[in-house]
C-alpha atoms as a PDB file:
ATOM      1  CA  MET A   1      15.089   9.801 -11.490  1.00  0.00           C
ATOM      2  CA  GLY A   2      18.173  11.529  -9.901  1.00  0.00           C
ATOM      3  CA  LYS A   3      17.770  13.107  -6.231  1.00  0.00           C
ATOM      4  CA  HIS A   4      17.207  16.350  -7.527  1.00  0.00           C
ATOM      5  CA  ASP A   5      13.963  15.289  -9.537  1.00  0.00           C
ATOM      6  CA  PHE A   6      12.916  13.438  -6.695  1.00  0.00           C
ATOM      7  CA  ASP A   7      13.430  16.429  -3.897  1.00  0.00           C
ATOM      8  CA  THR A   8      11.678  18.780  -6.580  1.00  0.00           C
ATOM      9  CA  ILE A   9       8.374  16.594  -7.031  1.00  0.00           C
ATOM     10  CA  ALA A  10       8.166  15.438  -3.687  1.00  0.00           C
ATOM     11  CA  ALA A  11       7.572  18.802  -2.392  1.00  0.00           C
ATOM     12  CA  LEU A  12       4.446  19.099  -4.427  1.00  0.00           C
ATOM     13  CA  PRO A  13       1.045  18.778  -2.946  1.00  0.00           C
ATOM     14  CA  PRO A  14      -0.056  15.280  -2.486  1.00  0.00           C
ATOM     15  CA  SER A  15      -2.480  15.048  -5.592  1.00  0.00           C
ATOM     16  CA  ALA A  16      -0.293  16.875  -7.551  1.00  0.00           C
ATOM     17  CA  TYR A  17       2.818  14.203  -6.622  1.00  0.00           C
ATOM     18  CA  TRP A  18       0.678  11.427  -7.193  1.00  0.00           C
ATOM     19  CA  GLU A  19      -0.433  12.858 -10.543  1.00  0.00           C
ATOM     20  CA  GLN A  20       2.732  13.334 -11.505  1.00  0.00           C
ATOM     21  CA  ARG A  21       4.277   9.994 -10.221  1.00  0.00           C
ATOM     22  CA  ALA A  22       1.381   8.258 -12.219  1.00  0.00           C
ATOM     23  CA  ARG A  23       1.886  10.396 -15.376  1.00  0.00           C
ATOM     24  CA  ARG A  24       5.640   9.196 -15.060  1.00  0.00           C
ATOM     25  CA  TYR A  25       4.958   5.443 -14.492  1.00  0.00           C
ATOM     26  CA  ALA A  26       1.336   4.197 -14.510  1.00  0.00           C
ATOM     27  CA  HIS A  27       1.865   2.934 -17.960  1.00  0.00           C
ATOM     28  CA  ALA A  28       4.581   1.153 -18.451  1.00  0.00           C
ATOM     29  CA  ARG A  29       4.687  -2.759 -17.972  1.00  0.00           C
ATOM     30  CA  GLU A  30       2.749  -3.484 -14.492  1.00  0.00           C
ATOM     31  CA  GLY A  31       2.828  -0.004 -13.473  1.00  0.00           C
ATOM     32  CA  LEU A  32       4.955  -1.072 -10.350  1.00  0.00           C
ATOM     33  CA  ALA A  33       7.211   2.035 -10.093  1.00  0.00           C
ATOM     34  CA  ALA A  34       4.053   4.226 -10.032  1.00  0.00           C
ATOM     35  CA  VAL A  35       2.652   2.186  -6.904  1.00  0.00           C
ATOM     36  CA  CYS A  36       6.145   0.311  -5.189  1.00  0.00           C
ATOM     37  CA  SER A  37       8.893   2.216  -4.900  1.00  0.00           C
ATOM     38  CA  TYR A  38       8.754   5.309  -7.236  1.00  0.00           C
ATOM     39  CA  GLY A  39      10.975   5.688 -10.338  1.00  0.00           C
ATOM     40  CA  MET A  40      13.344   2.569  -8.989  1.00  0.00           C
ATOM     41  CA  PRO A  41      14.699   0.046 -10.782  1.00  0.00           C
ATOM     42  CA  GLU A  42      12.217  -3.004 -12.084  1.00  0.00           C
ATOM     43  CA  PHE A  43      14.232  -5.673 -10.334  1.00  0.00           C
ATOM     44  CA  TYR A  44      13.898  -3.450  -7.334  1.00  0.00           C
ATOM     45  CA  ASN A  45       9.979  -3.154  -7.765  1.00  0.00           C
ATOM     46  CA  ARG A  46       9.188  -6.676  -8.667  1.00  0.00           C
ATOM     47  CA  TYR A  47      10.890  -7.783  -5.114  1.00  0.00           C
ATOM     48  CA  ILE A  48       8.768  -5.234  -3.336  1.00  0.00           C
ATOM     49  CA  GLN A  49       5.859  -6.439  -5.274  1.00  0.00           C
ATOM     50  CA  LEU A  50       6.378 -10.452  -4.536  1.00  0.00           C
ATOM     51  CA  CYS A  51       6.823  -9.796  -0.828  1.00  0.00           C
ATOM     52  CA  GLN A  52       3.531  -7.920  -0.822  1.00  0.00           C
ATOM     53  CA  GLN A  53       1.602 -10.876  -2.574  1.00  0.00           C
ATOM     54  CA  LEU A  54       3.175 -13.597  -0.275  1.00  0.00           C
ATOM     55  CA  ALA A  55       2.548 -11.137   2.824  1.00  0.00           C
ATOM     56  CA  LEU A  56      -1.250 -10.656   1.551  1.00  0.00           C
ATOM     57  CA  ASP A  57      -2.450 -13.659  -0.140  1.00  0.00           C
ATOM     58  CA  ARG A  58      -3.622 -15.632   2.720  1.00  0.00           C
ATOM     59  CA  TRP A  59      -5.889 -12.374   3.620  1.00  0.00           C
ATOM     60  CA  LEU A  60      -7.248 -11.851   0.342  1.00  0.00           C
ATOM     61  CA  ARG A  61      -9.809 -14.449  -0.717  1.00  0.00           C
ATOM     62  CA  VAL A  62     -13.227 -13.943  -1.503  1.00  0.00           C
ATOM     63  CA  THR A  63     -16.055 -15.582  -2.881  1.00  0.00           C
ATOM     64  CA  PRO A  64     -18.012 -14.203  -5.792  1.00  0.00           C
ATOM     65  CA  GLY A  65     -20.107 -11.339  -5.104  1.00  0.00           C
ATOM     66  CA  ASN A  66     -18.062  -9.834  -2.144  1.00  0.00           C
ATOM     67  CA  ARG A  67     -17.784  -6.255  -1.782  1.00  0.00           C
ATOM     68  CA  VAL A  68     -14.386  -5.059  -1.786  1.00  0.00           C
ATOM     69  CA  LEU A  69     -12.902  -1.392  -0.994  1.00  0.00           C
ATOM     70  CA  ASP A  70      -9.565  -1.089  -2.599  1.00  0.00           C
ATOM     71  CA  VAL A  71      -8.273   2.376  -1.141  1.00  0.00           C
ATOM     72  CA  GLY A  72      -4.986   4.093  -2.936  1.00  0.00           C
ATOM     73  CA  CYS A  73      -5.891   1.619  -5.933  1.00  0.00           C
ATOM     74  CA  GLY A  74      -2.949   2.571  -8.055  1.00  0.00           C
ATOM     75  CA  VAL A  75      -3.028   0.980 -11.474  1.00  0.00           C
ATOM     76  CA  GLY A  76      -5.602  -1.515 -10.396  1.00  0.00           C
ATOM     77  CA  ARG A  77      -2.643  -4.386  -8.664  1.00  0.00           C
ATOM     78  CA  TRP A  78      -5.114  -5.651  -6.207  1.00  0.00           C
ATOM     79  CA  SER A  79      -8.387  -4.425  -7.490  1.00  0.00           C
ATOM     80  CA  LEU A  80      -8.101  -6.429 -10.618  1.00  0.00           C
ATOM     81  CA  ALA A  81      -6.924  -9.972  -8.825  1.00  0.00           C
ATOM     82  CA  LEU A  82      -9.942  -9.759  -6.543  1.00  0.00           C
ATOM     83  CA  ALA A  83     -11.841  -8.912  -9.767  1.00  0.00           C
ATOM     84  CA  ARG A  84     -10.731 -12.361 -10.904  1.00  0.00           C
ATOM     85  CA  ARG A  85     -11.981 -14.105  -8.140  1.00  0.00           C
ATOM     86  CA  GLY A  86     -15.140 -12.700  -8.406  1.00  0.00           C
ATOM     87  CA  ALA A  87     -15.495  -9.984  -6.202  1.00  0.00           C
ATOM     88  CA  GLN A  88     -17.269  -6.405  -7.046  1.00  0.00           C
ATOM     89  CA  VAL A  89     -14.563  -4.025  -6.577  1.00  0.00           C
ATOM     90  CA  THR A  90     -14.467  -0.564  -6.232  1.00  0.00           C
ATOM     91  CA  GLY A  91     -10.955   1.295  -6.363  1.00  0.00           C
ATOM     92  CA  VAL A  92     -10.189   4.637  -4.923  1.00  0.00           C
ATOM     93  CA  ASP A  93      -7.093   6.673  -5.864  1.00  0.00           C
ATOM     94  CA  ILE A  94      -6.347  10.323  -5.472  1.00  0.00           C
ATOM     95  CA  SER A  95      -4.698  10.709  -9.029  1.00  0.00           C
ATOM     96  CA  GLU A  96      -7.096  10.817 -12.066  1.00  0.00           C
ATOM     97  CA  THR A  97      -4.413   9.037 -14.199  1.00  0.00           C
ATOM     98  CA  MET A  98      -4.009   6.197 -11.724  1.00  0.00           C
ATOM     99  CA  VAL A  99      -8.195   5.906 -11.613  1.00  0.00           C
ATOM    100  CA  ALA A 100      -7.813   6.067 -15.414  1.00  0.00           C
ATOM    101  CA  GLU A 101      -4.972   3.457 -15.884  1.00  0.00           C
ATOM    102  CA  ALA A 102      -6.858   0.907 -13.596  1.00  0.00           C
ATOM    103  CA  ALA A 103     -10.157   1.330 -15.309  1.00  0.00           C
ATOM    104  CA  ARG A 104      -7.846   0.846 -18.675  1.00  0.00           C
ATOM    105  CA  ARG A 105      -6.337  -2.334 -17.640  1.00  0.00           C
ATOM    106  CA  ALA A 106     -10.057  -3.871 -16.329  1.00  0.00           C
ATOM    107  CA  ALA A 107     -11.556  -3.012 -19.687  1.00  0.00           C
ATOM    108  CA  ALA A 108      -8.689  -4.867 -21.473  1.00  0.00           C
ATOM    109  CA  ARG A 109      -8.893  -8.098 -18.939  1.00  0.00           C
ATOM    110  CA  GLY A 110     -12.524  -8.566 -19.476  1.00  0.00           C
ATOM    111  CA  LEU A 111     -13.117  -7.296 -16.007  1.00  0.00           C
ATOM    112  CA  SER A 112     -15.093  -3.835 -16.209  1.00  0.00           C
ATOM    113  CA  GLN A 113     -18.549  -5.493 -15.097  1.00  0.00           C
ATOM    114  CA  ARG A 114     -16.589  -6.132 -11.783  1.00  0.00           C
ATOM    115  CA  CYS A 115     -14.857  -3.059 -11.206  1.00  0.00           C
ATOM    116  CA  GLN A 116     -15.438   0.570 -10.725  1.00  0.00           C
ATOM    117  CA  PHE A 117     -12.586   3.376 -10.015  1.00  0.00           C
ATOM    118  CA  VAL A 118     -12.974   6.526  -8.854  1.00  0.00           C
ATOM    119  CA  ALA A 119     -10.572   9.339  -8.156  1.00  0.00           C
ATOM    120  CA  GLN A 120     -10.826  10.529  -4.155  1.00  0.00           C
ATOM    121  CA  ASP A 121      -8.739  12.000  -1.362  1.00  0.00           C
ATOM    122  CA  LEU A 122      -9.043   9.189   1.045  1.00  0.00           C
ATOM    123  CA  ALA A 123      -8.977  11.772   4.106  1.00  0.00           C
ATOM    124  CA  GLU A 124     -12.136  12.561   2.235  1.00  0.00           C
ATOM    125  CA  LEU A 125     -13.979   9.490   1.169  1.00  0.00           C
ATOM    126  CA  ALA A 126     -16.891   9.814  -0.327  1.00  0.00           C
ATOM    127  CA  VAL A 127     -17.917   6.365  -1.379  1.00  0.00           C
ATOM    128  CA  ALA A 128     -21.421   4.648  -0.674  1.00  0.00           C
ATOM    129  CA  GLY A 129     -22.317   1.473   0.885  1.00  0.00           C
ATOM    130  CA  SER A 130     -20.656  -1.020   3.189  1.00  0.00           C
ATOM    131  CA  TYR A 131     -18.008  -3.504   2.301  1.00  0.00           C
ATOM    132  CA  ASP A 132     -16.973  -7.351   3.161  1.00  0.00           C
ATOM    133  CA  LEU A 133     -13.388  -6.407   2.799  1.00  0.00           C
ATOM    134  CA  ILE A 134     -11.276  -3.256   2.588  1.00  0.00           C
ATOM    135  CA  VAL A 135      -7.694  -3.278   1.135  1.00  0.00           C
ATOM    136  CA  GLY A 136      -5.216  -0.592   1.715  1.00  0.00           C
ATOM    137  CA  VAL A 137      -1.399  -1.412   0.719  1.00  0.00           C
ATOM    138  CA  THR A 138       1.006   1.381   1.595  1.00  0.00           C
ATOM    139  CA  VAL A 139      -1.446   3.975   1.675  1.00  0.00           C
ATOM    140  CA  LEU A 140      -1.781   5.418   5.292  1.00  0.00           C
ATOM    141  CA  GLN A 141       2.195   6.176   5.387  1.00  0.00           C
ATOM    142  CA  HIS A 142       1.468   8.746   2.793  1.00  0.00           C
ATOM    143  CA  ILE A 143      -0.848  10.932   4.893  1.00  0.00           C
ATOM    144  CA  LEU A 144       1.001  12.739   7.198  1.00  0.00           C
ATOM    145  CA  GLY A 145      -1.264  15.364   8.893  1.00  0.00           C
ATOM    146  CA  GLU A 146      -2.605  13.271  12.015  1.00  0.00           C
ATOM    147  CA  HIS A 147      -5.997  14.782  11.610  1.00  0.00           C
ATOM    148  CA  ARG A 148      -6.314  13.908   8.052  1.00  0.00           C
ATOM    149  CA  LEU A 149      -5.109  10.174   8.918  1.00  0.00           C
ATOM    150  CA  LEU A 150      -7.852   9.797  11.573  1.00  0.00           C
ATOM    151  CA  ALA A 151     -10.697  11.019   9.201  1.00  0.00           C
ATOM    152  CA  ALA A 152      -9.183   8.388   6.398  1.00  0.00           C
ATOM    153  CA  MET A 153      -9.216   5.438   9.040  1.00  0.00           C
ATOM    154  CA  ALA A 154     -12.774   6.571  10.551  1.00  0.00           C
ATOM    155  CA  GLY A 155     -13.819   6.840   6.950  1.00  0.00           C
ATOM    156  CA  LEU A 156     -12.766   3.450   6.293  1.00  0.00           C
ATOM    157  CA  SER A 157     -14.359   1.628   9.845  1.00  0.00           C
ATOM    158  CA  ASP A 158     -17.711   3.608   8.561  1.00  0.00           C
ATOM    159  CA  ARG A 159     -17.574   1.271   5.428  1.00  0.00           C
ATOM    160  CA  LEU A 160     -16.856  -1.926   6.759  1.00  0.00           C
ATOM    161  CA  ALA A 161     -19.900  -4.228   6.810  1.00  0.00           C
ATOM    162  CA  PRO A 162     -20.551  -6.379   9.751  1.00  0.00           C
ATOM    163  CA  GLY A 163     -18.373  -9.514   9.616  1.00  0.00           C
ATOM    164  CA  GLY A 164     -15.813  -7.999   7.297  1.00  0.00           C
ATOM    165  CA  ARG A 165     -12.254  -7.447   7.719  1.00  0.00           C
ATOM    166  CA  ILE A 166      -9.860  -4.446   6.674  1.00  0.00           C
ATOM    167  CA  VAL A 167      -6.211  -5.459   5.237  1.00  0.00           C
ATOM    168  CA  LEU A 168      -3.941  -3.081   5.715  1.00  0.00           C
ATOM    169  CA  LEU A 169       0.169  -3.640   4.371  1.00  0.00           C
ATOM    170  CA  GLU A 170       1.587  -0.208   5.616  1.00  0.00           C
ATOM    171  CA  ALA A 171       5.593   0.788   6.616  1.00  0.00           C
ATOM    172  CA  ALA A 172       5.336   0.173  10.570  1.00  0.00           C
ATOM    173  CA  PRO A 173       8.747  -0.848  12.566  1.00  0.00           C
ATOM    174  CA  THR A 174       7.853  -2.008  15.789  1.00  0.00           C
ATOM    175  CA  ARG A 175      10.157   1.077  16.964  1.00  0.00           C
ATOM    176  CA  ARG A 176      10.001   4.299  15.450  1.00  0.00           C
ATOM    177  CA  ALA A 177      12.589   5.253  12.925  1.00  0.00           C
ATOM    178  CA  GLY A 178      12.899   8.306  11.293  1.00  0.00           C
ATOM    179  CA  HIS A 179      15.901   8.129   9.063  1.00  0.00           C
ATOM    180  CA  CYS A 180      13.490   7.139   5.887  1.00  0.00           C
ATOM    181  CA  ASP A 181      11.034   9.471   6.476  1.00  0.00           C
ATOM    182  CA  SER A 182      10.292  12.280   3.621  1.00  0.00           C
ATOM    183  CA  PRO A 183       7.871  15.144   2.497  1.00  0.00           C
ATOM    184  CA  ILE A 184       5.287  12.616   1.585  1.00  0.00           C
ATOM    185  CA  PHE A 185       6.253   9.373   3.796  1.00  0.00           C
ATOM    186  CA  ARG A 186       6.075   8.521   7.567  1.00  0.00           C
ATOM    187  CA  ALA A 187       6.795   5.019   8.946  1.00  0.00           C
ATOM    188  CA  ARG A 188       4.655   5.424  12.149  1.00  0.00           C
ATOM    189  CA  ASP A 189       5.657   2.614  14.567  1.00  0.00           C
ATOM    190  CA  VAL A 190       2.857  -0.636  15.436  1.00  0.00           C
ATOM    191  CA  GLY A 191       2.077   1.422  18.685  1.00  0.00           C
ATOM    192  CA  GLU A 192       0.812   4.625  16.618  1.00  0.00           C
ATOM    193  CA  TYR A 193      -1.245   2.263  14.370  1.00  0.00           C
ATOM    194  CA  LEU A 194      -2.848   0.500  16.925  1.00  0.00           C
ATOM    195  CA  ALA A 195      -3.879   3.852  18.634  1.00  0.00           C
ATOM    196  CA  LEU A 196      -5.568   4.576  15.251  1.00  0.00           C
ATOM    197  CA  PHE A 197      -7.430   1.740  14.995  1.00  0.00           C
ATOM    198  CA  ASP A 198      -8.792   1.488  18.707  1.00  0.00           C
ATOM    199  CA  ALA A 199      -9.732   5.534  18.313  1.00  0.00           C
ATOM    200  CA  CYS A 200     -11.365   4.166  15.097  1.00  0.00           C
ATOM    201  CA  GLY A 201     -13.594   1.041  16.921  1.00  0.00           C
ATOM    202  CA  LEU A 202     -11.272  -1.356  15.333  1.00  0.00           C
ATOM    203  CA  ALA A 203      -9.725  -4.350  17.007  1.00  0.00           C
ATOM    204  CA  VAL A 204      -6.633  -6.510  15.457  1.00  0.00           C
ATOM    205  CA  ARG A 205      -7.430  -9.862  14.252  1.00  0.00           C
ATOM    206  CA  ALA A 206      -3.825 -10.631  13.601  1.00  0.00           C
ATOM    207  CA  ILE A 207      -0.429  -8.637  12.299  1.00  0.00           C
ATOM    208  CA  THR A 208       1.904 -10.520  10.457  1.00  0.00           C
ATOM    209  CA  GLY A 209       5.466  -9.636   8.830  1.00  0.00           C
ATOM    210  CA  VAL A 210       6.609  -8.737   4.891  1.00  0.00           C
ATOM    211  CA  ASP A 211      10.077  -7.956   4.804  1.00  0.00           C
ATOM    212  CA  PRO A 212      12.360  -8.756   7.869  1.00  0.00           C
ATOM    213  CA  MET A 213      15.813  -8.424   6.355  1.00  0.00           C
ATOM    214  CA  PRO A 214      16.582  -4.580   7.362  1.00  0.00           C
ATOM    215  CA  LEU A 215      19.594  -4.094   4.581  1.00  0.00           C
ATOM    216  CA  LYS A 216      16.978  -2.011   2.461  1.00  0.00           C
ATOM    217  CA  THR A 217      15.932   0.436   4.933  1.00  0.00           C
ATOM    218  CA  MET A 218      19.650   0.478   5.641  1.00  0.00           C
ATOM    219  CA  LEU A 219      20.516   1.866   2.034  1.00  0.00           C
ATOM    220  CA  LEU A 220      17.430   3.962   0.691  1.00  0.00           C
ATOM    221  CA  PRO A 221      17.850   6.875   2.859  1.00  0.00           C
ATOM    222  CA  TYR A 222      21.451   7.055   0.534  1.00  0.00           C
ATOM    223  CA  TYR A 223      20.619   5.442  -2.300  1.00  0.00           C
ATOM    224  CA  ARG A 224      19.784   8.645  -4.143  1.00  0.00           C
ATOM    225  CA  ALA A 225      22.765  10.524  -3.206  1.00  0.00           C
ATOM    226  CA  LEU A 226      24.970   7.737  -4.833  1.00  0.00           C
ATOM    227  CA  PRO A 227      26.440   7.541  -8.451  1.00  0.00           C
ATOM    228  CA  ARG A 228      24.191   5.635 -10.352  1.00  0.00           C
ATOM    229  CA  PRO A 229      26.459   2.785 -11.062  1.00  0.00           C
ATOM    230  CA  ALA A 230      27.396   2.480  -7.521  1.00  0.00           C
ATOM    231  CA  ALA A 231      23.551   2.888  -6.271  1.00  0.00           C
ATOM    232  CA  LEU A 232      22.318   0.197  -8.707  1.00  0.00           C
ATOM    233  CA  ALA A 233      25.011  -2.276  -7.373  1.00  0.00           C
ATOM    234  CA  ALA A 234      24.561  -1.716  -3.998  1.00  0.00           C
ATOM    235  CA  LEU A 235      20.463  -2.043  -5.026  1.00  0.00           C
ATOM    236  CA  ALA A 236      21.066  -5.166  -6.342  1.00  0.00           C
ATOM    237  CA  ALA A 237      23.245  -6.681  -3.755  1.00  0.00           C
ATOM    238  CA  VAL A 238      20.717  -5.766  -1.265  1.00  0.00           C
ATOM    239  CA  THR A 239      18.167  -7.040  -2.955  1.00  0.00           C
ATOM    240  CA  ALA A 240      19.993 -10.884  -3.978  1.00  0.00           C
ATOM    241  CA  VAL A 241      20.455 -11.042   0.043  1.00  0.00           C
ATOM    242  CA  SER A 242      17.176  -9.903   1.119  1.00  0.00           C
ATOM    243  CA  LEU A 243      14.685 -11.664  -1.287  1.00  0.00           C
ATOM    244  CA  PRO A 244      15.303 -15.561   0.013  1.00  0.00           C
ATOM    245  CA  ILE A 245      14.828 -14.325   3.737  1.00  0.00           C
ATOM    246  CA  ASP A 246      12.092 -12.295   3.301  1.00  0.00           C
ATOM    247  CA  ALA A 247      10.269 -14.335   0.911  1.00  0.00           C
ATOM    248  CA  VAL A 248      10.441 -17.530   3.260  1.00  0.00           C
ATOM    249  CA  LEU A 249      10.514 -15.816   6.763  1.00  0.00           C
ATOM    250  CA  GLY A 250       8.528 -12.882   5.759  1.00  0.00           C
ATOM    251  CA  ARG A 251       5.437 -13.306   7.349  1.00  0.00           C
ATOM    252  CA  LYS A 252       6.482 -15.124  10.450  1.00  0.00           C
ATOM    253  CA  LEU A 253       9.218 -12.720  11.428  1.00  0.00           C
ATOM    254  CA  ALA A 254       6.317  -9.741  12.098  1.00  0.00           C
ATOM    255  CA  ARG A 255       8.597  -7.888  14.502  1.00  0.00           C
ATOM    256  CA  ALA A 256      11.578  -7.286  12.522  1.00  0.00           C
ATOM    257  CA  SER A 257       9.638  -6.598   9.523  1.00  0.00           C
ATOM    258  CA  TRP A 258       9.678  -3.190   8.172  1.00  0.00           C
ATOM    259  CA  HIS A 259       6.175  -3.615   6.924  1.00  0.00           C
ATOM    260  CA  LYS A 260       3.315  -5.031   8.364  1.00  0.00           C
ATOM    261  CA  VAL A 261       0.295  -6.329   7.478  1.00  0.00           C
ATOM    262  CA  PHE A 262      -2.733  -5.237   9.864  1.00  0.00           C
ATOM    263  CA  VAL A 263      -5.781  -7.397  10.024  1.00  0.00           C
ATOM    264  CA  LEU A 264      -8.653  -5.529  11.374  1.00  0.00           C
ATOM    265  CA  GLU A 265     -12.411  -5.985  12.407  1.00  0.00           C
ATOM    266  CA  HIS A 266     -15.044  -4.224  14.325  1.00  0.00           C
ATOM    267  CA  ALA A 267     -14.427  -4.326  17.873  1.00  0.00           C
ATOM    268  CA  LYS A 268     -17.462  -5.391  18.853  1.00  0.00           C
ATOM    269  CA  GLN A 269     -17.141  -7.920  16.371  1.00  0.00           C
ATOM    270  CA  LEU A 270     -14.192  -9.609  18.149  1.00  0.00           C
ATOM    271  CA  ASP A 271     -15.734  -9.456  21.594  1.00  0.00           C
ATOM    272  CA  ALA A 272     -18.914 -11.253  20.350  1.00  0.00           C
END
C-alpha cells in the first residue's frame, strides 16, 4: 500500500476505516495485516504477532467456563485461543467484516459454541453481563477523542467481574512521543493511561514490556514515503535486528518498550 492509499483510507470515519481495512486483509491467511500493522509485509506482521503473544501469554490463562470479553477482537486472534482453552468468549469489534470473519474462523475450528461475536463501537459498548477476563490489544490507541476514550474504559470497568482482570496491550511510550501519531492512531504515554485507569476505578496490578528495541518507531514515520524496494529492505533489516532483543527481553524492559501490557483490577479489590 502506497502513502497516497494509506492517507486516503486514514481520512475515513473510524467505522469506515476499519471496514476498508477488514475487507482488504481480514480474509488473507491469519488476517494479520488487518489487525497488526495495516498493509505491511507478512514477515513484519508475524514479528508483531510473536512479540504480542510472548507479552500476553502469562496474563491470558483461563480455566474452563471463564467468561471472557475480547474488545477490538478483529479476526479472533485472541478469542479463538481463549475458547480453545475452555473459556466462553464474547468478541466485540467495530467492523462488521471483522466480526463475520471471526465467526467464520470459530466455526471452522469447531469453537462456535464457545464464541459469539458482535459489531459494536467500544465507546458505546452495549454487551450485557460481567466477565472474568477482559482483553484489548491495540484498541484504545485508535480512540482519539478523550471523552470517547473515557467512555470506553468506563464501560470495561463496569463489566469486570469481582476478582477479574483487564489486560490491555497498547502503544504507551514512557514519555509522550507524537512522531508516529496519525489520523487513526495516538501513542499516549504511560501517565495518561494511569490517569485514565484511576478515573475508572481501576488499579494497576502489573505493567510489562513488549518491544523495547526502538528501530521500528524510528523507521515507520518515513516508511511509506520511501521507494518500495528501499522501504522493504530497511524494514527487513529493522525486523531482523529487533526480533531477538524484543523476543528475549521484551517483558523485562517495560520502561524502554514502545508498547506495554497493563494488567488491571478493581481498585477496591487490590486494596482488600
